[in-house]
Amino acid sequence: MLPPRLIDGLSEIARDHDALICDIWGVVHNGHAPFPDAAEALRRFRRERGPVVLLSNAPRPPGSVEDQFRRIGVATDCYDAIVTSGGAARAELSARAGRASPPSLYYIGPEQDTGVLEGLDIRRTGIDEADVALCVGLVDDLTETPDDYSDILAAMRAKNLTMLCANPDLKVYRGSQLCWCAGALARDYEAIGGPVTYFGKPYPAIYDAALEAAGRPAKALAIGDALVTDLKGAQGAGLEALFIADGLHGEEIEPYTAQHLAEMFAGAGAGAKAAMRALKW
């Protein structure tokens, strides 16, 4: 696999592409504060090249993501659409709710993220009564770890409940703190034989939805800071990718050289045409 080209700004490769499929957390904001240079880069691309679709493994519908943008100050004029894993999971639950017998659901995650269920004919229950489980994350990702859920996962496995994972990410930075995500619980559930259905990156269906939202561009560029979700997902969707180094992987990227990045990419079975420290024009 060829080493990525190290660039200083998106403008160096923008002319090669007619749309952006851009990650949010770690690229556009860090959970607490926006990255203004990233918003300006996306704004410039929209003005000069084509549409920008934000693609996130947030376990919430797009409207909820926009609400967060407004709370922390992320510009809402730098993109054309938002596609989320939470939105995709909600669509699946909506289809299940439309059947003759609405499902009973065991929910794993904080109450603040139950918007993914709002308005659906679904009954929340304990594990014993559930038809399916939905995992959007840990209840308190600032203090808990996946080990705290071993008994819950064992009980789900005993009933062979399918887990719908609304966020395949393993970890994410909230400010400077690294927090566990739903993908870590799904990983552990699979490790004990539990069935899991994933929604979001790196799985192909979410890229198909993002490309549809972008108007089926011919030469879209994926942008992200995570090797296994963003870069591997882009590769699976047949998209060239731009890696944002100062994100999820932190000090792992040092030394910041094309050769070292290529070695990291190879270890994850992923690749990128270019890399930069932080997204800017």
Protein backbone atom coordinates (compact mmCIF):
# COMPACT_ATOMS: atom_id res chain seq x y z
CA MET A 1 0.00 0.00 0.00
CA LEU A 2 1.40 3.39 -1.02
CA PRO A 3 2.21 5.92 1.72
CA PRO A 4 -0.25 8.82 1.96
CA ARG A 5 0.61 12.25 0.64
CA LEU A 6 1.11 14.66 3.56
CA ILE A 7 -0.74 17.90 2.84
CA ASP A 8 -1.25 21.19 4.64
CA GLY A 9 -4.76 21.95 3.41
CA LEU A 10 -7.79 20.45 1.72
CA SER A 11 -7.31 22.92 -1.12
CA GLU A 12 -4.35 20.85 -2.35
CA ILE A 13 -6.59 17.94 -3.37
CA ALA A 14 -10.08 19.50 -3.54
CA ARG A 15 -10.01 19.83 -7.34
CA ASP A 16 -9.88 16.02 -7.63
CA HIS A 17 -13.27 15.59 -5.97
CA ASP A 18 -16.90 16.60 -6.43
CA ALA A 19 -18.26 15.83 -2.94
CA LEU A 20 -17.13 15.20 0.63
CA ILE A 21 -18.31 12.48 2.98
CA CYS A 22 -16.92 13.84 6.25
CA ASP A 23 -16.72 12.42 9.75
CA ILE A 24 -17.86 14.70 12.58
CA TRP A 25 -16.39 13.81 15.99
CA GLY A 26 -12.63 14.36 15.92
CA VAL A 27 -12.77 16.25 12.63
CA VAL A 28 -15.44 18.96 13.00
CA HIS A 29 -15.55 19.06 16.83
CA ASN A 30 -14.23 17.19 19.87
CA GLY A 31 -17.50 16.80 21.76
CA HIS A 32 -17.02 20.05 23.68
CA ALA A 33 -15.86 22.65 21.17
CA PRO A 34 -15.87 23.16 17.39
CA PHE A 35 -12.85 23.29 15.11
CA PRO A 36 -13.47 26.55 13.18
CA ASP A 37 -10.84 25.80 10.53
CA ALA A 38 -12.64 22.57 9.67
CA ALA A 39 -15.96 24.34 9.24
CA GLU A 40 -14.33 26.92 6.97
CA ALA A 41 -12.73 24.16 4.87
CA LEU A 42 -16.08 22.46 4.39
CA ARG A 43 -17.73 25.80 3.61
CA ARG A 44 -15.12 26.56 0.94
CA PHE A 45 -15.51 23.12 -0.62
CA ARG A 46 -19.28 23.54 -0.83
CA ARG A 47 -18.86 26.91 -2.49
CA GLU A 48 -16.19 25.87 -4.97
CA ARG A 49 -16.54 22.13 -5.60
CA GLY A 50 -19.72 20.34 -4.48
CA PRO A 51 -21.88 19.00 -1.66
CA VAL A 52 -20.71 18.07 1.83
CA VAL A 53 -22.41 15.25 3.71
CA LEU A 54 -21.50 14.71 7.34
CA LEU A 55 -21.40 11.00 8.16
CA SER A 56 -21.36 10.09 11.83
CA ASN A 57 -21.53 7.02 14.04
CA ALA A 58 -23.52 9.10 16.51
CA PRO A 59 -26.27 6.86 17.93
CA ARG A 60 -28.79 9.66 17.49
CA PRO A 61 -30.97 10.93 14.62
CA PRO A 62 -29.51 13.76 12.49
CA GLY A 63 -31.72 16.38 14.13
CA SER A 64 -30.25 15.56 17.51
CA VAL A 65 -26.73 15.95 16.10
CA GLU A 66 -27.67 19.42 14.83
CA ASP A 67 -29.00 20.28 18.29
CA GLN A 68 -25.57 19.41 19.68
CA PHE A 69 -23.95 21.59 17.02
CA ARG A 70 -25.97 24.56 18.21
CA ARG A 71 -25.12 23.89 21.86
CA ILE A 72 -21.36 23.76 21.34
CA GLY A 73 -21.12 26.31 18.54
CA VAL A 74 -20.52 24.22 15.41
CA ALA A 75 -21.48 26.13 12.26
CA THR A 76 -24.56 24.76 10.51
CA ASP A 77 -23.81 26.35 7.12
CA CYS A 78 -20.87 24.10 6.18
CA TYR A 79 -22.76 20.99 5.09
CA ASP A 80 -25.71 19.88 2.98
CA ALA A 81 -26.91 16.85 4.97
CA ILE A 82 -26.16 14.68 7.99
CA VAL A 83 -26.35 10.88 7.92
CA THR A 84 -25.98 8.99 11.21
CA SER A 85 -25.83 5.42 12.43
CA GLY A 86 -28.54 6.34 14.93
CA GLY A 87 -30.80 7.37 12.07
CA ALA A 88 -30.15 4.05 10.34
CA ALA A 89 -30.88 2.10 13.54
CA ARG A 90 -34.09 4.07 14.01
CA ALA A 91 -35.19 3.15 10.48
CA GLU A 92 -34.72 -0.54 11.35
CA LEU A 93 -36.68 -0.16 14.58
CA SER A 94 -39.43 1.70 12.72
CA ALA A 95 -39.72 -1.22 10.30
CA ARG A 96 -39.95 -3.66 13.21
CA ALA A 97 -42.55 -1.49 14.93
CA GLY A 98 -44.69 -1.57 11.79
CA ARG A 99 -45.14 -5.33 11.96
CA ALA A 100 -48.24 -7.05 13.33
CA SER A 101 -46.76 -7.40 16.81
CA PRO A 102 -44.60 -4.44 17.90
CA PRO A 103 -41.32 -5.57 19.48
CA SER A 104 -40.23 -5.44 23.09
CA LEU A 105 -36.80 -3.86 23.40
CA TYR A 106 -34.01 -3.94 25.95
CA TYR A 107 -32.18 -0.60 25.84
CA ILE A 108 -28.52 -0.08 26.73
CA GLY A 109 -27.35 3.50 26.96
CA PRO A 110 -27.96 6.87 28.60
CA GLU A 111 -31.51 8.19 28.85
CA GLN A 112 -30.47 11.32 26.98
CA ASP A 113 -30.08 9.25 23.81
CA THR A 114 -33.54 7.65 23.83
CA GLY A 115 -34.61 10.08 21.11
CA VAL A 116 -33.78 7.29 18.68
CA LEU A 117 -36.96 5.59 19.97
CA GLU A 118 -39.20 8.65 20.11
CA GLY A 119 -42.56 8.14 18.46
CA LEU A 120 -42.01 4.45 17.70
CA ASP A 121 -44.48 1.76 18.77
CA ILE A 122 -41.90 -0.13 20.82
CA ARG A 123 -42.10 -1.27 24.44
CA ARG A 124 -38.97 -1.06 26.60
CA THR A 125 -38.54 -4.11 28.83
CA GLY A 126 -35.98 -6.08 30.77
CA ILE A 127 -33.84 -8.73 29.13
CA ASP A 128 -36.22 -11.59 30.00
CA GLU A 129 -39.12 -10.07 28.05
CA ALA A 130 -37.17 -8.50 25.19
CA ASP A 131 -37.32 -9.52 21.53
CA VAL A 132 -34.25 -7.47 20.64
CA ALA A 133 -31.65 -5.24 22.31
CA LEU A 134 -30.54 -1.77 21.22
CA CYS A 135 -27.11 -0.54 22.32
CA VAL A 136 -26.38 3.15 21.82
CA GLY A 137 -23.51 3.30 24.31
CA LEU A 138 -22.55 2.95 27.94
CA VAL A 139 -24.89 4.53 30.49
CA ASP A 140 -22.02 6.64 31.86
CA ASP A 141 -19.11 6.58 29.43
CA LEU A 142 -17.06 8.92 31.61
CA THR A 143 -16.75 6.38 34.43
CA GLU A 144 -17.77 2.95 33.08
CA THR A 145 -15.87 0.42 30.97
CA PRO A 146 -17.10 -2.56 28.92
CA ASP A 147 -16.16 -4.85 31.84
CA ASP A 148 -19.04 -3.33 33.82
CA TYR A 149 -21.46 -4.90 31.32
CA SER A 150 -20.25 -8.51 31.41
CA ASP A 151 -23.25 -9.76 33.44
CA ILE A 152 -25.71 -7.95 31.18
CA LEU A 153 -24.11 -9.37 28.06
CA ALA A 154 -24.11 -12.86 29.55
CA ALA A 155 -27.82 -12.60 30.32
CA MET A 156 -28.52 -11.40 26.78
CA ARG A 157 -26.48 -14.28 25.37
CA ALA A 158 -28.42 -16.79 27.46
CA LYS A 159 -31.55 -15.60 25.65
CA ASN A 160 -29.69 -15.25 22.33
CA LEU A 161 -30.94 -11.68 21.93
CA THR A 162 -29.80 -9.87 18.80
CA MET A 163 -28.02 -6.63 19.67
CA LEU A 164 -28.63 -3.70 17.34
CA CYS A 165 -25.47 -1.59 17.68
CA ALA A 166 -26.22 2.05 16.89
CA ASN A 167 -22.58 3.15 17.10
CA PRO A 168 -19.80 0.80 15.89
CA ASP A 169 -17.06 3.06 17.31
CA LEU A 170 -14.97 1.49 20.06
CA LYS A 171 -13.74 4.75 21.61
CA VAL A 172 -14.03 8.48 21.09
CA TYR A 173 -12.45 11.56 22.65
CA ARG A 174 -14.77 13.83 24.62
CA GLY A 175 -12.57 16.86 24.95
CA SER A 176 -9.31 15.29 26.14
CA GLN A 177 -10.90 12.21 27.76
CA LEU A 178 -11.09 8.91 25.87
CA CYS A 179 -14.50 7.28 26.34
CA TRP A 180 -15.85 3.84 25.42
CA CYS A 181 -18.61 3.53 22.82
CA ALA A 182 -21.33 1.01 21.91
CA GLY A 183 -19.02 -0.77 19.49
CA ALA A 184 -16.92 -2.00 22.42
CA LEU A 185 -19.97 -3.67 23.99
CA ALA A 186 -20.93 -5.16 20.63
CA ARG A 187 -17.39 -6.51 20.22
CA ASP A 188 -17.54 -8.16 23.63
CA TYR A 189 -21.01 -9.57 22.91
CA GLU A 190 -19.79 -11.12 19.67
CA ALA A 191 -16.82 -12.58 21.55
CA ILE A 192 -19.21 -14.69 23.66
CA GLY A 193 -21.24 -15.74 20.62
CA GLY A 194 -23.94 -13.08 20.70
CA PRO A 195 -25.52 -11.97 17.39
CA VAL A 196 -24.94 -8.30 16.49
CA THR A 197 -26.32 -6.10 13.70
CA TYR A 198 -24.24 -2.97 13.16
CA PHE A 199 -25.40 0.39 11.82
CA GLY A 200 -22.82 2.93 10.65
CA LYS A 201 -19.20 3.02 9.54
CA PRO A 202 -17.41 0.94 8.28
CA TYR A 203 -20.43 -0.95 6.94
CA PRO A 204 -21.45 -0.36 3.30
CA ALA A 205 -25.13 0.55 3.83
CA ILE A 206 -24.31 3.81 5.64
CA TYR A 207 -22.00 4.91 2.81
CA ASP A 208 -24.72 4.17 0.29
CA ALA A 209 -27.05 6.43 2.28
CA ALA A 210 -24.40 9.19 2.44
CA LEU A 211 -23.69 9.02 -1.29
CA GLU A 212 -27.42 9.15 -1.99
CA ALA A 213 -27.66 12.28 0.18
CA ALA A 214 -24.78 13.79 -1.83
CA GLY A 215 -26.57 13.19 -5.13
CA ARG A 216 -24.51 10.17 -6.26
CA PRO A 217 -21.23 12.02 -6.96
CA ALA A 218 -18.61 10.44 -9.20
CA LYS A 219 -15.50 11.33 -7.18
CA ALA A 220 -16.41 11.75 -3.53
CA LEU A 221 -13.66 12.05 -0.91
CA ALA A 222 -14.12 10.55 2.55
CA ILE A 223 -12.57 12.41 5.49
CA GLY A 224 -12.03 10.90 8.93
CA ASP A 225 -9.73 10.34 11.89
CA ALA A 226 -10.38 6.65 12.66
CA LEU A 227 -8.58 3.85 10.86
CA VAL A 228 -11.06 1.03 11.39
CA THR A 229 -14.27 2.97 10.82
CA ASP A 230 -13.48 5.97 8.59
CA LEU A 231 -10.61 4.71 6.45
CA LYS A 232 -11.61 1.06 6.24
CA GLY A 233 -15.20 2.06 5.57
CA ALA A 234 -14.20 4.42 2.78
CA GLN A 235 -12.04 1.73 1.22
CA GLY A 236 -14.93 -0.74 1.32
CA ALA A 237 -17.17 1.82 -0.36
CA GLY A 238 -14.61 2.44 -3.10
CA LEU A 239 -13.84 6.01 -1.97
CA GLU A 240 -10.51 7.77 -1.70
CA ALA A 241 -9.85 9.04 1.81
CA LEU A 242 -8.18 11.88 3.68
CA PHE A 243 -6.87 10.96 7.14
CA ILE A 244 -7.03 13.54 9.93
CA ALA A 245 -4.11 12.62 12.16
CA ASP A 246 -4.69 14.75 15.26
CA GLY A 247 -7.88 12.93 16.20
CA LEU A 248 -8.72 9.56 17.67
CA HIS A 249 -5.29 7.96 17.40
CA GLY A 250 -3.39 10.64 19.30
CA GLU A 251 0.24 9.83 19.97
CA GLU A 252 0.05 6.62 17.91
CA ILE A 253 0.70 8.74 14.82
CA GLU A 254 4.16 9.80 15.97
CA PRO A 255 6.47 10.07 14.17
CA TYR A 256 4.20 11.89 11.75
CA THR A 257 5.72 10.61 8.53
CA ALA A 258 4.15 9.13 5.43
CA GLN A 259 5.95 5.85 6.02
CA HIS A 260 4.78 5.50 9.62
CA LEU A 261 1.19 6.32 8.63
CA ALA A 262 1.37 3.73 5.85
CA GLU A 263 2.44 1.14 8.42
CA MET A 264 -0.48 2.10 10.67
CA PHE A 265 -2.91 1.88 7.76
CA ALA A 266 -1.57 -1.52 6.74
CA GLY A 267 -2.03 -2.82 10.27
CA ALA A 268 -5.70 -1.81 10.13
CA GLY A 269 -6.22 -3.09 6.60
CA ALA A 270 -7.02 0.45 5.46
CA GLY A 271 -5.52 3.23 3.38
CA ALA A 272 -5.71 6.92 2.49
CA LYS A 273 -4.57 9.02 -0.45
CA ALA A 274 -3.55 11.88 1.83
CA ALA A 275 -3.17 12.92 5.46
CA MET A 276 -3.11 16.15 7.39
CA ARG A 277 -2.91 17.07 11.04
CA ALA A 278 -6.29 18.85 11.29
CA LEU A 279 -8.85 19.73 8.66
CA LYS A 280 -8.37 23.18 7.16
CA TRP A 281 -8.56 24.71 3.72
